[in-house]
Amino acid sequence: MDLDLIMQFVVPLIAIILGAASAYYHENEKIRNSSIKYIAQAEDMYKDTIKSGGQKFQWVVDTIYNIVPAPFKIILTKKMIERIVQSTFDGLEEYAKLQLEKALNNYVKNQENESRD
């Protein structure tokens, strides 16, 4: 086969693959950012409901899945969105724990300083 003929097929194929990958990562980042907003919204919506973790999680996943453009739903399945939402929640939870620990340490340190005075 002629190298020129191969390049006519390979270059557009590579361009399509790179374009799809770029779109996927861009959409993935948008989903991650949206999940933070919708997690907070779900917390507010279900604040009076006991043991509503599963409902909140499902609401966030469904809401995000519904805003994903149809062509991306082939690549970004509901299962993938569940993983993105879960990892976002885990990151937020870890951050909250660190902040709580820092505040508690500061409080204890202040109490110790006051008791010495």
PDB file of N, CA and C in Angstrom:
ATOM      1  N   MET A   1       0.830  -1.185   0.000  1.00  0.00           N
ATOM      2  CA  MET A   1       0.000   0.000   0.000  1.00  0.00           C
ATOM      3  C   MET A   1       0.870   1.243   0.000  1.00  0.00           C
ATOM      4  N   ASP A   2       0.369   2.250  -0.583  1.00  0.00           N
ATOM      5  CA  ASP A   2       1.072   3.513  -0.682  1.00  0.00           C
ATOM      6  C   ASP A   2       0.992   4.273   0.645  1.00  0.00           C
ATOM      7  N   LEU A   3       2.098   4.846   1.093  1.00  0.00           N
ATOM      8  CA  LEU A   3       2.161   5.581   2.354  1.00  0.00           C
ATOM      9  C   LEU A   3       1.194   6.759   2.350  1.00  0.00           C
ATOM     10  N   ASP A   4       1.044   7.392   1.214  1.00  0.00           N
ATOM     11  CA  ASP A   4       0.124   8.525   1.095  1.00  0.00           C
ATOM     12  C   ASP A   4      -1.320   8.089   1.350  1.00  0.00           C
ATOM     13  N   LEU A   5      -1.683   6.951   0.816  1.00  0.00           N
ATOM     14  CA  LEU A   5      -3.033   6.421   0.999  1.00  0.00           C
ATOM     15  C   LEU A   5      -3.274   6.074   2.471  1.00  0.00           C
ATOM     16  N   ILE A   6      -2.283   5.487   3.114  1.00  0.00           N
ATOM     17  CA  ILE A   6      -2.400   5.145   4.536  1.00  0.00           C
ATOM     18  C   ILE A   6      -2.583   6.418   5.365  1.00  0.00           C
ATOM     19  N   MET A   7      -1.813   7.434   5.066  1.00  0.00           N
ATOM     20  CA  MET A   7      -1.893   8.688   5.810  1.00  0.00           C
ATOM     21  C   MET A   7      -3.253   9.357   5.645  1.00  0.00           C
ATOM     22  N   GLN A   8      -3.886   9.169   4.482  1.00  0.00           N
ATOM     23  CA  GLN A   8      -5.209   9.746   4.256  1.00  0.00           C
ATOM     24  C   GLN A   8      -6.247   9.134   5.202  1.00  0.00           C
ATOM     25  N   PHE A   9      -6.039   7.921   5.622  1.00  0.00           N
ATOM     26  CA  PHE A   9      -6.965   7.261   6.539  1.00  0.00           C
ATOM     27  C   PHE A   9      -6.543   7.428   7.999  1.00  0.00           C
ATOM     28  N   VAL A  10      -5.253   7.359   8.258  1.00  0.00           N
ATOM     29  CA  VAL A  10      -4.752   7.383   9.628  1.00  0.00           C
ATOM     30  C   VAL A  10      -4.900   8.766  10.267  1.00  0.00           C
ATOM     31  N   VAL A  11      -4.536   9.813   9.546  1.00  0.00           N
ATOM     32  CA  VAL A  11      -4.586  11.160  10.109  1.00  0.00           C
ATOM     33  C   VAL A  11      -6.007  11.540  10.534  1.00  0.00           C
ATOM     34  N   PRO A  12      -7.016  11.372   9.695  1.00  0.00           N
ATOM     35  CA  PRO A  12      -8.373  11.700  10.153  1.00  0.00           C
ATOM     36  C   PRO A  12      -8.830  10.803  11.321  1.00  0.00           C
ATOM     37  N   LEU A  13      -8.429   9.539  11.304  1.00  0.00           N
ATOM     38  CA  LEU A  13      -8.798   8.635  12.385  1.00  0.00           C
ATOM     39  C   LEU A  13      -8.181   9.091  13.710  1.00  0.00           C
ATOM     40  N   ILE A  14      -6.927   9.471  13.677  1.00  0.00           N
ATOM     41  CA  ILE A  14      -6.262   9.972  14.885  1.00  0.00           C
ATOM     42  C   ILE A  14      -6.923  11.270  15.349  1.00  0.00           C
ATOM     43  N   ALA A  15      -7.276  12.139  14.409  1.00  0.00           N
ATOM     44  CA  ALA A  15      -7.940  13.396  14.753  1.00  0.00           C
ATOM     45  C   ALA A  15      -9.287  13.125  15.429  1.00  0.00           C
ATOM     46  N   ILE A  16     -10.023  12.155  14.935  1.00  0.00           N
ATOM     47  CA  ILE A  16     -11.320  11.803  15.524  1.00  0.00           C
ATOM     48  C   ILE A  16     -11.127  11.242  16.935  1.00  0.00           C
ATOM     49  N   ILE A  17     -10.160  10.374  17.103  1.00  0.00           N
ATOM     50  CA  ILE A  17      -9.895   9.771  18.406  1.00  0.00           C
ATOM     51  C   ILE A  17      -9.468  10.843  19.414  1.00  0.00           C
ATOM     52  N   LEU A  18      -8.554  11.716  19.012  1.00  0.00           N
ATOM     53  CA  LEU A  18      -8.108  12.778  19.915  1.00  0.00           C
ATOM     54  C   LEU A  18      -9.237  13.761  20.223  1.00  0.00           C
ATOM     55  N   GLY A  19     -10.054  14.057  19.238  1.00  0.00           N
ATOM     56  CA  GLY A  19     -11.208  14.938  19.464  1.00  0.00           C
ATOM     57  C   GLY A  19     -12.192  14.326  20.440  1.00  0.00           C
ATOM     58  N   ALA A  20     -12.457  13.037  20.297  1.00  0.00           N
ATOM     59  CA  ALA A  20     -13.372  12.347  21.205  1.00  0.00           C
ATOM     60  C   ALA A  20     -12.794  12.303  22.616  1.00  0.00           C
ATOM     61  N   ALA A  21     -11.497  12.038  22.736  1.00  0.00           N
ATOM     62  CA  ALA A  21     -10.853  12.013  24.048  1.00  0.00           C
ATOM     63  C   ALA A  21     -10.910  13.388  24.707  1.00  0.00           C
ATOM     64  N   SER A  22     -10.647  14.417  23.926  1.00  0.00           N
ATOM     65  CA  SER A  22     -10.704  15.778  24.455  1.00  0.00           C
ATOM     66  C   SER A  22     -12.113  16.118  24.935  1.00  0.00           C
ATOM     67  N   ALA A  23     -13.107  15.780  24.150  1.00  0.00           N
ATOM     68  CA  ALA A  23     -14.502  16.038  24.528  1.00  0.00           C
ATOM     69  C   ALA A  23     -14.875  15.254  25.783  1.00  0.00           C
ATOM     70  N   TYR A  24     -14.409  14.019  25.869  1.00  0.00           N
ATOM     71  CA  TYR A  24     -14.694  13.183  27.040  1.00  0.00           C
ATOM     72  C   TYR A  24     -14.118  13.825  28.302  1.00  0.00           C
ATOM     73  N   TYR A  25     -12.853  14.219  28.265  1.00  0.00           N
ATOM     74  CA  TYR A  25     -12.230  14.807  29.448  1.00  0.00           C
ATOM     75  C   TYR A  25     -12.856  16.147  29.818  1.00  0.00           C
ATOM     76  N   HIS A  26     -13.239  16.923  28.817  1.00  0.00           N
ATOM     77  CA  HIS A  26     -13.916  18.194  29.074  1.00  0.00           C
ATOM     78  C   HIS A  26     -15.262  17.940  29.745  1.00  0.00           C
ATOM     79  N   GLU A  27     -16.012  16.994  29.236  1.00  0.00           N
ATOM     80  CA  GLU A  27     -17.332  16.662  29.798  1.00  0.00           C
ATOM     81  C   GLU A  27     -17.175  16.070  31.199  1.00  0.00           C
ATOM     82  N   ASN A  28     -16.156  15.251  31.388  1.00  0.00           N
ATOM     83  CA  ASN A  28     -15.890  14.649  32.696  1.00  0.00           C
ATOM     84  C   ASN A  28     -15.623  15.742  33.739  1.00  0.00           C
ATOM     85  N   GLU A  29     -14.855  16.741  33.374  1.00  0.00           N
ATOM     86  CA  GLU A  29     -14.559  17.850  34.294  1.00  0.00           C
ATOM     87  C   GLU A  29     -15.822  18.639  34.611  1.00  0.00           C
ATOM     88  N   LYS A  30     -16.660  18.864  33.613  1.00  0.00           N
ATOM     89  CA  LYS A  30     -17.930  19.557  33.850  1.00  0.00           C
ATOM     90  C   LYS A  30     -18.803  18.755  34.808  1.00  0.00           C
ATOM     91  N   ILE A  31     -18.814  17.440  34.651  1.00  0.00           N
ATOM     92  CA  ILE A  31     -19.608  16.582  35.531  1.00  0.00           C
ATOM     93  C   ILE A  31     -19.076  16.664  36.959  1.00  0.00           C
ATOM     94  N   ARG A  32     -17.774  16.612  37.101  1.00  0.00           N
ATOM     95  CA  ARG A  32     -17.168  16.693  38.439  1.00  0.00           C
ATOM     96  C   ARG A  32     -17.543  18.018  39.117  1.00  0.00           C
ATOM     97  N   ASN A  33     -17.458  19.112  38.380  1.00  0.00           N
ATOM     98  CA  ASN A  33     -17.823  20.413  38.941  1.00  0.00           C
ATOM     99  C   ASN A  33     -19.311  20.498  39.254  1.00  0.00           C
ATOM    100  N   SER A  34     -20.134  19.955  38.383  1.00  0.00           N
ATOM    101  CA  SER A  34     -21.575  19.965  38.625  1.00  0.00           C
ATOM    102  C   SER A  34     -21.947  19.094  39.810  1.00  0.00           C
ATOM    103  N   SER A  35     -21.226  18.005  40.001  1.00  0.00           N
ATOM    104  CA  SER A  35     -21.572  17.093  41.086  1.00  0.00           C
ATOM    105  C   SER A  35     -21.428  17.776  42.439  1.00  0.00           C
ATOM    106  N   ILE A  36     -20.448  18.666  42.587  1.00  0.00           N
ATOM    107  CA  ILE A  36     -20.303  19.401  43.847  1.00  0.00           C
ATOM    108  C   ILE A  36     -21.552  20.235  44.105  1.00  0.00           C
ATOM    109  N   LYS A  37     -21.988  20.930  43.077  1.00  0.00           N
ATOM    110  CA  LYS A  37     -23.175  21.780  43.207  1.00  0.00           C
ATOM    111  C   LYS A  37     -24.409  20.939  43.533  1.00  0.00           C
ATOM    112  N   TYR A  38     -24.588  19.831  42.842  1.00  0.00           N
ATOM    113  CA  TYR A  38     -25.783  19.018  43.060  1.00  0.00           C
ATOM    114  C   TYR A  38     -25.729  18.233  44.371  1.00  0.00           C
ATOM    115  N   ILE A  39     -24.539  17.887  44.842  1.00  0.00           N
ATOM    116  CA  ILE A  39     -24.439  17.244  46.155  1.00  0.00           C
ATOM    117  C   ILE A  39     -24.926  18.214  47.230  1.00  0.00           C
ATOM    118  N   ALA A  40     -24.486  19.461  47.148  1.00  0.00           N
ATOM    119  CA  ALA A  40     -24.922  20.475  48.110  1.00  0.00           C
ATOM    120  C   ALA A  40     -26.433  20.696  48.016  1.00  0.00           C
ATOM    121  N   GLN A  41     -26.948  20.718  46.808  1.00  0.00           N
ATOM    122  CA  GLN A  41     -28.384  20.917  46.610  1.00  0.00           C
ATOM    123  C   GLN A  41     -29.171  19.739  47.177  1.00  0.00           C
ATOM    124  N   ALA A  42     -28.683  18.525  46.979  1.00  0.00           N
ATOM    125  CA  ALA A  42     -29.361  17.333  47.510  1.00  0.00           C
ATOM    126  C   ALA A  42     -29.338  17.338  49.032  1.00  0.00           C
ATOM    127  N   GLU A  43     -28.214  17.755  49.614  1.00  0.00           N
ATOM    128  CA  GLU A  43     -28.128  17.848  51.077  1.00  0.00           C
ATOM    129  C   GLU A  43     -29.219  18.774  51.603  1.00  0.00           C
ATOM    130  N   ASP A  44     -29.414  19.893  50.924  1.00  0.00           N
ATOM    131  CA  ASP A  44     -30.442  20.846  51.344  1.00  0.00           C
ATOM    132  C   ASP A  44     -31.849  20.287  51.134  1.00  0.00           C
ATOM    133  N   MET A  45     -32.065  19.641  49.996  1.00  0.00           N
ATOM    134  CA  MET A  45     -33.402  19.106  49.689  1.00  0.00           C
ATOM    135  C   MET A  45     -33.839  18.016  50.663  1.00  0.00           C
ATOM    136  N   TYR A  46     -32.888  17.183  51.081  1.00  0.00           N
ATOM    137  CA  TYR A  46     -33.212  16.036  51.921  1.00  0.00           C
ATOM    138  C   TYR A  46     -32.811  16.253  53.381  1.00  0.00           C
ATOM    139  N   LYS A  47     -32.631  17.508  53.797  1.00  0.00           N
ATOM    140  CA  LYS A  47     -32.149  17.771  55.154  1.00  0.00           C
ATOM    141  C   LYS A  47     -33.110  17.292  56.237  1.00  0.00           C
ATOM    142  N   ASP A  48     -34.390  17.213  55.949  1.00  0.00           N
ATOM    143  CA  ASP A  48     -35.371  16.783  56.940  1.00  0.00           C
ATOM    144  C   ASP A  48     -35.705  15.300  56.842  1.00  0.00           C
ATOM    145  N   THR A  49     -35.046  14.594  55.945  1.00  0.00           N
ATOM    146  CA  THR A  49     -35.308  13.179  55.733  1.00  0.00           C
ATOM    147  C   THR A  49     -34.228  12.354  56.423  1.00  0.00           C
ATOM    148  N   ILE A  50     -34.651  11.367  57.193  1.00  0.00           N
ATOM    149  CA  ILE A  50     -33.713  10.506  57.911  1.00  0.00           C
ATOM    150  C   ILE A  50     -33.236   9.396  56.973  1.00  0.00           C
ATOM    151  N   LYS A  51     -31.949   9.087  57.045  1.00  0.00           N
ATOM    152  CA  LYS A  51     -31.325   8.017  56.251  1.00  0.00           C
ATOM    153  C   LYS A  51     -31.647   8.144  54.766  1.00  0.00           C
ATOM    154  N   SER A  52     -31.337   9.295  54.223  1.00  0.00           N
ATOM    155  CA  SER A  52     -31.665   9.551  52.814  1.00  0.00           C
ATOM    156  C   SER A  52     -30.437   9.541  51.919  1.00  0.00           C
ATOM    157  N   GLY A  53     -29.336   8.967  52.399  1.00  0.00           N
ATOM    158  CA  GLY A  53     -28.099   8.967  51.622  1.00  0.00           C
ATOM    159  C   GLY A  53     -28.260   8.386  50.234  1.00  0.00           C
ATOM    160  N   GLY A  54     -28.940   7.250  50.140  1.00  0.00           N
ATOM    161  CA  GLY A  54     -29.152   6.612  48.841  1.00  0.00           C
ATOM    162  C   GLY A  54     -30.013   7.452  47.917  1.00  0.00           C
ATOM    163  N   GLN A  55     -31.040   8.069  48.496  1.00  0.00           N
ATOM    164  CA  GLN A  55     -31.916   8.932  47.688  1.00  0.00           C
ATOM    165  C   GLN A  55     -31.152  10.139  47.164  1.00  0.00           C
ATOM    166  N   LYS A  56     -30.347  10.752  48.020  1.00  0.00           N
ATOM    167  CA  LYS A  56     -29.569  11.922  47.607  1.00  0.00           C
ATOM    168  C   LYS A  56     -28.595  11.544  46.502  1.00  0.00           C
ATOM    169  N   PHE A  57     -27.900  10.440  46.709  1.00  0.00           N
ATOM    170  CA  PHE A  57     -26.922   9.985  45.720  1.00  0.00           C
ATOM    171  C   PHE A  57     -27.598   9.746  44.370  1.00  0.00           C
ATOM    172  N   GLN A  58     -28.721   9.042  44.397  1.00  0.00           N
ATOM    173  CA  GLN A  58     -29.423   8.734  43.150  1.00  0.00           C
ATOM    174  C   GLN A  58     -29.948   9.994  42.481  1.00  0.00           C
ATOM    175  N   TRP A  59     -30.427  10.944  43.274  1.00  0.00           N
ATOM    176  CA  TRP A  59     -30.917  12.202  42.716  1.00  0.00           C
ATOM    177  C   TRP A  59     -29.784  12.941  42.005  1.00  0.00           C
ATOM    178  N   VAL A  60     -28.609  13.000  42.640  1.00  0.00           N
ATOM    179  CA  VAL A  60     -27.460  13.681  42.035  1.00  0.00           C
ATOM    180  C   VAL A  60     -27.071  12.995  40.728  1.00  0.00           C
ATOM    181  N   VAL A  61     -26.974  11.670  40.751  1.00  0.00           N
ATOM    182  CA  VAL A  61     -26.599  10.910  39.548  1.00  0.00           C
ATOM    183  C   VAL A  61     -27.615  11.137  38.433  1.00  0.00           C
ATOM    184  N   ASP A  62     -28.898  11.009  38.754  1.00  0.00           N
ATOM    185  CA  ASP A  62     -29.944  11.187  37.734  1.00  0.00           C
ATOM    186  C   ASP A  62     -29.940  12.605  37.170  1.00  0.00           C
ATOM    187  N   THR A  63     -29.777  13.591  38.044  1.00  0.00           N
ATOM    188  CA  THR A  63     -29.775  14.988  37.598  1.00  0.00           C
ATOM    189  C   THR A  63     -28.612  15.247  36.642  1.00  0.00           C
ATOM    190  N   ILE A  64     -27.440  14.766  37.010  1.00  0.00           N
ATOM    191  CA  ILE A  64     -26.272  14.971  36.140  1.00  0.00           C
ATOM    192  C   ILE A  64     -26.427  14.193  34.844  1.00  0.00           C
ATOM    193  N   TYR A  65     -26.903  12.960  34.926  1.00  0.00           N
ATOM    194  CA  TYR A  65     -27.072  12.152  33.715  1.00  0.00           C
ATOM    195  C   TYR A  65     -28.041  12.824  32.746  1.00  0.00           C
ATOM    196  N   ASN A  66     -29.055  13.479  33.272  1.00  0.00           N
ATOM    197  CA  ASN A  66     -30.042  14.142  32.416  1.00  0.00           C
ATOM    198  C   ASN A  66     -29.495  15.378  31.716  1.00  0.00           C
ATOM    199  N   ILE A  67     -28.408  15.970  32.240  1.00  0.00           N
ATOM    200  CA  ILE A  67     -27.851  17.149  31.570  1.00  0.00           C
ATOM    201  C   ILE A  67     -26.704  16.795  30.622  1.00  0.00           C
ATOM    202  N   VAL A  68     -26.291  15.531  30.633  1.00  0.00           N
ATOM    203  CA  VAL A  68     -25.237  15.100  29.707  1.00  0.00           C
ATOM    204  C   VAL A  68     -25.831  15.058  28.298  1.00  0.00           C
ATOM    205  N   PRO A  69     -25.169  15.692  27.336  1.00  0.00           N
ATOM    206  CA  PRO A  69     -25.673  15.646  25.958  1.00  0.00           C
ATOM    207  C   PRO A  69     -25.772  14.198  25.455  1.00  0.00           C
ATOM    208  N   ALA A  70     -26.788  13.927  24.672  1.00  0.00           N
ATOM    209  CA  ALA A  70     -27.064  12.564  24.190  1.00  0.00           C
ATOM    210  C   ALA A  70     -25.857  11.868  23.551  1.00  0.00           C
ATOM    211  N   PRO A  71     -25.078  12.552  22.710  1.00  0.00           N
ATOM    212  CA  PRO A  71     -23.935  11.843  22.106  1.00  0.00           C
ATOM    213  C   PRO A  71     -22.911  11.348  23.130  1.00  0.00           C
ATOM    214  N   PHE A  72     -22.791  12.044  24.253  1.00  0.00           N
ATOM    215  CA  PHE A  72     -21.823  11.653  25.270  1.00  0.00           C
ATOM    216  C   PHE A  72     -22.324  10.516  26.151  1.00  0.00           C
ATOM    217  N   LYS A  73     -23.626  10.260  26.111  1.00  0.00           N
ATOM    218  CA  LYS A  73     -24.174   9.188  26.949  1.00  0.00           C
ATOM    219  C   LYS A  73     -23.678   7.813  26.497  1.00  0.00           C
ATOM    220  N   ILE A  74     -23.173   7.741  25.283  1.00  0.00           N
ATOM    221  CA  ILE A  74     -22.576   6.495  24.807  1.00  0.00           C
ATOM    222  C   ILE A  74     -21.279   6.234  25.575  1.00  0.00           C
ATOM    223  N   ILE A  75     -20.525   7.306  25.812  1.00  0.00           N
ATOM    224  CA  ILE A  75     -19.245   7.192  26.492  1.00  0.00           C
ATOM    225  C   ILE A  75     -19.421   7.320  28.005  1.00  0.00           C
ATOM    226  N   LEU A  76     -20.181   8.321  28.431  1.00  0.00           N
ATOM    227  CA  LEU A  76     -20.390   8.577  29.856  1.00  0.00           C
ATOM    228  C   LEU A  76     -21.664   7.880  30.323  1.00  0.00           C
ATOM    229  N   THR A  77     -21.526   6.651  30.713  1.00  0.00           N
ATOM    230  CA  THR A  77     -22.677   5.878  31.162  1.00  0.00           C
ATOM    231  C   THR A  77     -23.086   6.316  32.563  1.00  0.00           C
ATOM    232  N   LYS A  78     -24.244   5.885  32.970  1.00  0.00           N
ATOM    233  CA  LYS A  78     -24.728   6.205  34.307  1.00  0.00           C
ATOM    234  C   LYS A  78     -23.779   5.643  35.368  1.00  0.00           C
ATOM    235  N   LYS A  79     -23.215   4.482  35.101  1.00  0.00           N
ATOM    236  CA  LYS A  79     -22.267   3.859  36.033  1.00  0.00           C
ATOM    237  C   LYS A  79     -21.030   4.739  36.200  1.00  0.00           C
ATOM    238  N   MET A  80     -20.544   5.324  35.116  1.00  0.00           N
ATOM    239  CA  MET A  80     -19.385   6.210  35.192  1.00  0.00           C
ATOM    240  C   MET A  80     -19.720   7.468  35.986  1.00  0.00           C
ATOM    241  N   ILE A  81     -20.912   7.993  35.781  1.00  0.00           N
ATOM    242  CA  ILE A  81     -21.338   9.178  36.522  1.00  0.00           C
ATOM    243  C   ILE A  81     -21.448   8.849  38.008  1.00  0.00           C
ATOM    244  N   GLU A  82     -21.931   7.647  38.331  1.00  0.00           N
ATOM    245  CA  GLU A  82     -21.989   7.227  39.733  1.00  0.00           C
ATOM    246  C   GLU A  82     -20.597   7.239  40.355  1.00  0.00           C
ATOM    247  N   ARG A  83     -19.604   6.751  39.617  1.00  0.00           N
ATOM    248  CA  ARG A  83     -18.226   6.741  40.135  1.00  0.00           C
ATOM    249  C   ARG A  83     -17.686   8.154  40.313  1.00  0.00           C
ATOM    250  N   ILE A  84     -17.983   9.036  39.365  1.00  0.00           N
ATOM    251  CA  ILE A  84     -17.531  10.423  39.457  1.00  0.00           C
ATOM    252  C   ILE A  84     -18.163  11.096  40.671  1.00  0.00           C
ATOM    253  N   VAL A  85     -19.471  10.911  40.839  1.00  0.00           N
ATOM    254  CA  VAL A  85     -20.174  11.521  41.972  1.00  0.00           C
ATOM    255  C   VAL A  85     -19.628  10.964  43.288  1.00  0.00           C
ATOM    256  N   GLN A  86     -19.420   9.650  43.346  1.00  0.00           N
ATOM    257  CA  GLN A  86     -18.919   9.042  44.576  1.00  0.00           C
ATOM    258  C   GLN A  86     -17.522   9.557  44.910  1.00  0.00           C
ATOM    259  N   SER A  87     -16.653   9.654  43.908  1.00  0.00           N
ATOM    260  CA  SER A  87     -15.292  10.140  44.177  1.00  0.00           C
ATOM    261  C   SER A  87     -15.317  11.612  44.585  1.00  0.00           C
ATOM    262  N   THR A  88     -16.220  12.391  44.005  1.00  0.00           N
ATOM    263  CA  THR A  88     -16.358  13.790  44.399  1.00  0.00           C
ATOM    264  C   THR A  88     -16.827  13.884  45.842  1.00  0.00           C
ATOM    265  N   PHE A  89     -17.834  13.078  46.196  1.00  0.00           N
ATOM    266  CA  PHE A  89     -18.333  13.069  47.570  1.00  0.00           C
ATOM    267  C   PHE A  89     -17.237  12.651  48.542  1.00  0.00           C
ATOM    268  N   ASP A  90     -16.480  11.621  48.184  1.00  0.00           N
ATOM    269  CA  ASP A  90     -15.395  11.150  49.053  1.00  0.00           C
ATOM    270  C   ASP A  90     -14.363  12.255  49.283  1.00  0.00           C
ATOM    271  N   GLY A  91     -14.042  12.987  48.232  1.00  0.00           N
ATOM    272  CA  GLY A  91     -13.099  14.089  48.352  1.00  0.00           C
ATOM    273  C   GLY A  91     -13.636  15.204  49.242  1.00  0.00           C
ATOM    274  N   LEU A  92     -14.914  15.536  49.085  1.00  0.00           N
ATOM    275  CA  LEU A  92     -15.528  16.561  49.930  1.00  0.00           C
ATOM    276  C   LEU A  92     -15.565  16.119  51.388  1.00  0.00           C
ATOM    277  N   GLU A  93     -15.881  14.856  51.605  1.00  0.00           N
ATOM    278  CA  GLU A  93     -15.944  14.321  52.963  1.00  0.00           C
ATOM    279  C   GLU A  93     -14.563  14.356  53.628  1.00  0.00           C
ATOM    280  N   GLU A  94     -13.546  13.986  52.887  1.00  0.00           N
ATOM    281  CA  GLU A  94     -12.180  14.008  53.421  1.00  0.00           C
ATOM    282  C   GLU A  94     -11.759  15.438  53.763  1.00  0.00           C
ATOM    283  N   TYR A  95     -12.091  16.371  52.901  1.00  0.00           N
ATOM    284  CA  TYR A  95     -11.775  17.775  53.153  1.00  0.00           C
ATOM    285  C   TYR A  95     -12.499  18.267  54.404  1.00  0.00           C
ATOM    286  N   ALA A  96     -13.770  17.932  54.540  1.00  0.00           N
ATOM    287  CA  ALA A  96     -14.543  18.346  55.714  1.00  0.00           C
ATOM    288  C   ALA A  96     -13.937  17.773  56.995  1.00  0.00           C
ATOM    289  N   LYS A  97     -13.510  16.525  56.958  1.00  0.00           N
ATOM    290  CA  LYS A  97     -12.887  15.909  58.132  1.00  0.00           C
ATOM    291  C   LYS A  97     -11.593  16.622  58.501  1.00  0.00           C
ATOM    292  N   LEU A  98     -10.783  16.957  57.508  1.00  0.00           N
ATOM    293  CA  LEU A  98      -9.541  17.675  57.773  1.00  0.00           C
ATOM    294  C   LEU A  98      -9.812  19.036  58.401  1.00  0.00           C
ATOM    295  N   GLN A  99     -10.814  19.739  57.874  1.00  0.00           N
ATOM    296  CA  GLN A  99     -11.152  21.049  58.418  1.00  0.00           C
ATOM    297  C   GLN A  99     -11.680  20.938  59.839  1.00  0.00           C
ATOM    298  N   LEU A 100     -12.483  19.933  60.107  1.00  0.00           N
ATOM    299  CA  LEU A 100     -13.010  19.707  61.457  1.00  0.00           C
ATOM    300  C   LEU A 100     -11.880  19.384  62.422  1.00  0.00           C
ATOM    301  N   GLU A 101     -10.971  18.551  61.993  1.00  0.00           N
ATOM    302  CA  GLU A 101      -9.826  18.192  62.829  1.00  0.00           C
ATOM    303  C   GLU A 101      -8.960  19.424  63.124  1.00  0.00           C
ATOM    304  N   LYS A 102      -8.750  20.255  62.116  1.00  0.00           N
ATOM    305  CA  LYS A 102      -7.965  21.470  62.301  1.00  0.00           C
ATOM    306  C   LYS A 102      -8.654  22.414  63.292  1.00  0.00           C
ATOM    307  N   ALA A 103      -9.963  22.579  63.138  1.00  0.00           N
ATOM    308  CA  ALA A 103     -10.709  23.454  64.046  1.00  0.00           C
ATOM    309  C   ALA A 103     -10.686  22.907  65.467  1.00  0.00           C
ATOM    310  N   LEU A 104     -10.824  21.607  65.621  1.00  0.00           N
ATOM    311  CA  LEU A 104     -10.786  20.989  66.942  1.00  0.00           C
ATOM    312  C   LEU A 104      -9.416  21.165  67.583  1.00  0.00           C
ATOM    313  N   ASN A 105      -8.357  20.963  66.823  1.00  0.00           N
ATOM    314  CA  ASN A 105      -7.001  21.156  67.344  1.00  0.00           C
ATOM    315  C   ASN A 105      -6.780  22.597  67.791  1.00  0.00           C
ATOM    316  N   ASN A 106      -7.269  23.543  66.998  1.00  0.00           N
ATOM    317  CA  ASN A 106      -7.147  24.952  67.376  1.00  0.00           C
ATOM    318  C   ASN A 106      -7.927  25.254  68.648  1.00  0.00           C
ATOM    319  N   TYR A 107      -9.111  24.685  68.765  1.00  0.00           N
ATOM    320  CA  TYR A 107      -9.939  24.885  69.958  1.00  0.00           C
ATOM    321  C   TYR A 107      -9.235  24.329  71.190  1.00  0.00           C
ATOM    322  N   VAL A 108      -8.718  23.117  71.088  1.00  0.00           N
ATOM    323  CA  VAL A 108      -8.015  22.482  72.208  1.00  0.00           C
ATOM    324  C   VAL A 108      -6.797  23.312  72.587  1.00  0.00           C
ATOM    325  N   LYS A 109      -6.044  23.770  71.598  1.00  0.00           N
ATOM    326  CA  LYS A 109      -4.854  24.577  71.855  1.00  0.00           C
ATOM    327  C   LYS A 109      -5.237  25.873  72.567  1.00  0.00           C
ATOM    328  N   ASN A 110      -6.318  26.517  72.125  1.00  0.00           N
ATOM    329  CA  ASN A 110      -6.782  27.748  72.769  1.00  0.00           C
ATOM    330  C   ASN A 110      -7.230  27.492  74.211  1.00  0.00           C
ATOM    331  N   GLN A 111      -7.908  26.373  74.446  1.00  0.00           N
ATOM    332  CA  GLN A 111      -8.354  26.030  75.793  1.00  0.00           C
ATOM    333  C   GLN A 111      -7.167  25.787  76.711  1.00  0.00           C
ATOM    334  N   GLU A 112      -6.149  25.129  76.188  1.00  0.00           N
ATOM    335  CA  GLU A 112      -4.945  24.867  76.982  1.00  0.00           C
ATOM    336  C   GLU A 112      -4.226  26.177  77.315  1.00  0.00           C
ATOM    337  N   ASN A 113      -4.151  27.085  76.357  1.00  0.00           N
ATOM    338  CA  ASN A 113      -3.517  28.371  76.591  1.00  0.00           C
ATOM    339  C   ASN A 113      -4.286  29.195  77.616  1.00  0.00           C
ATOM    340  N   GLU A 114      -5.603  29.162  77.554  1.00  0.00           N
ATOM    341  CA  GLU A 114      -6.433  29.906  78.506  1.00  0.00           C
ATOM    342  C   GLU A 114      -6.301  29.331  79.918  1.00  0.00           C
ATOM    343  N   SER A 115      -6.201  28.015  80.023  1.00  0.00           N
ATOM    344  CA  SER A 115      -6.088  27.394  81.347  1.00  0.00           C
ATOM    345  C   SER A 115      -4.725  27.674  81.981  1.00  0.00           C
ATOM    346  N   ARG A 116      -3.711  27.935  81.196  1.00  0.00           N
ATOM    347  CA  ARG A 116      -2.391  28.271  81.720  1.00  0.00           C
ATOM    348  C   ARG A 116      -2.331  29.699  82.238  1.00  0.00           C
ATOM    349  N   ASP A 117      -3.156  30.543  81.623  1.00  0.00           N
ATOM    350  CA  ASP A 117      -3.134  31.982  82.003  1.00  0.00           C
ATOM    351  C   ASP A 117      -3.804  32.232  83.289  1.00  0.00           C
TER     352      ASP A 117
END
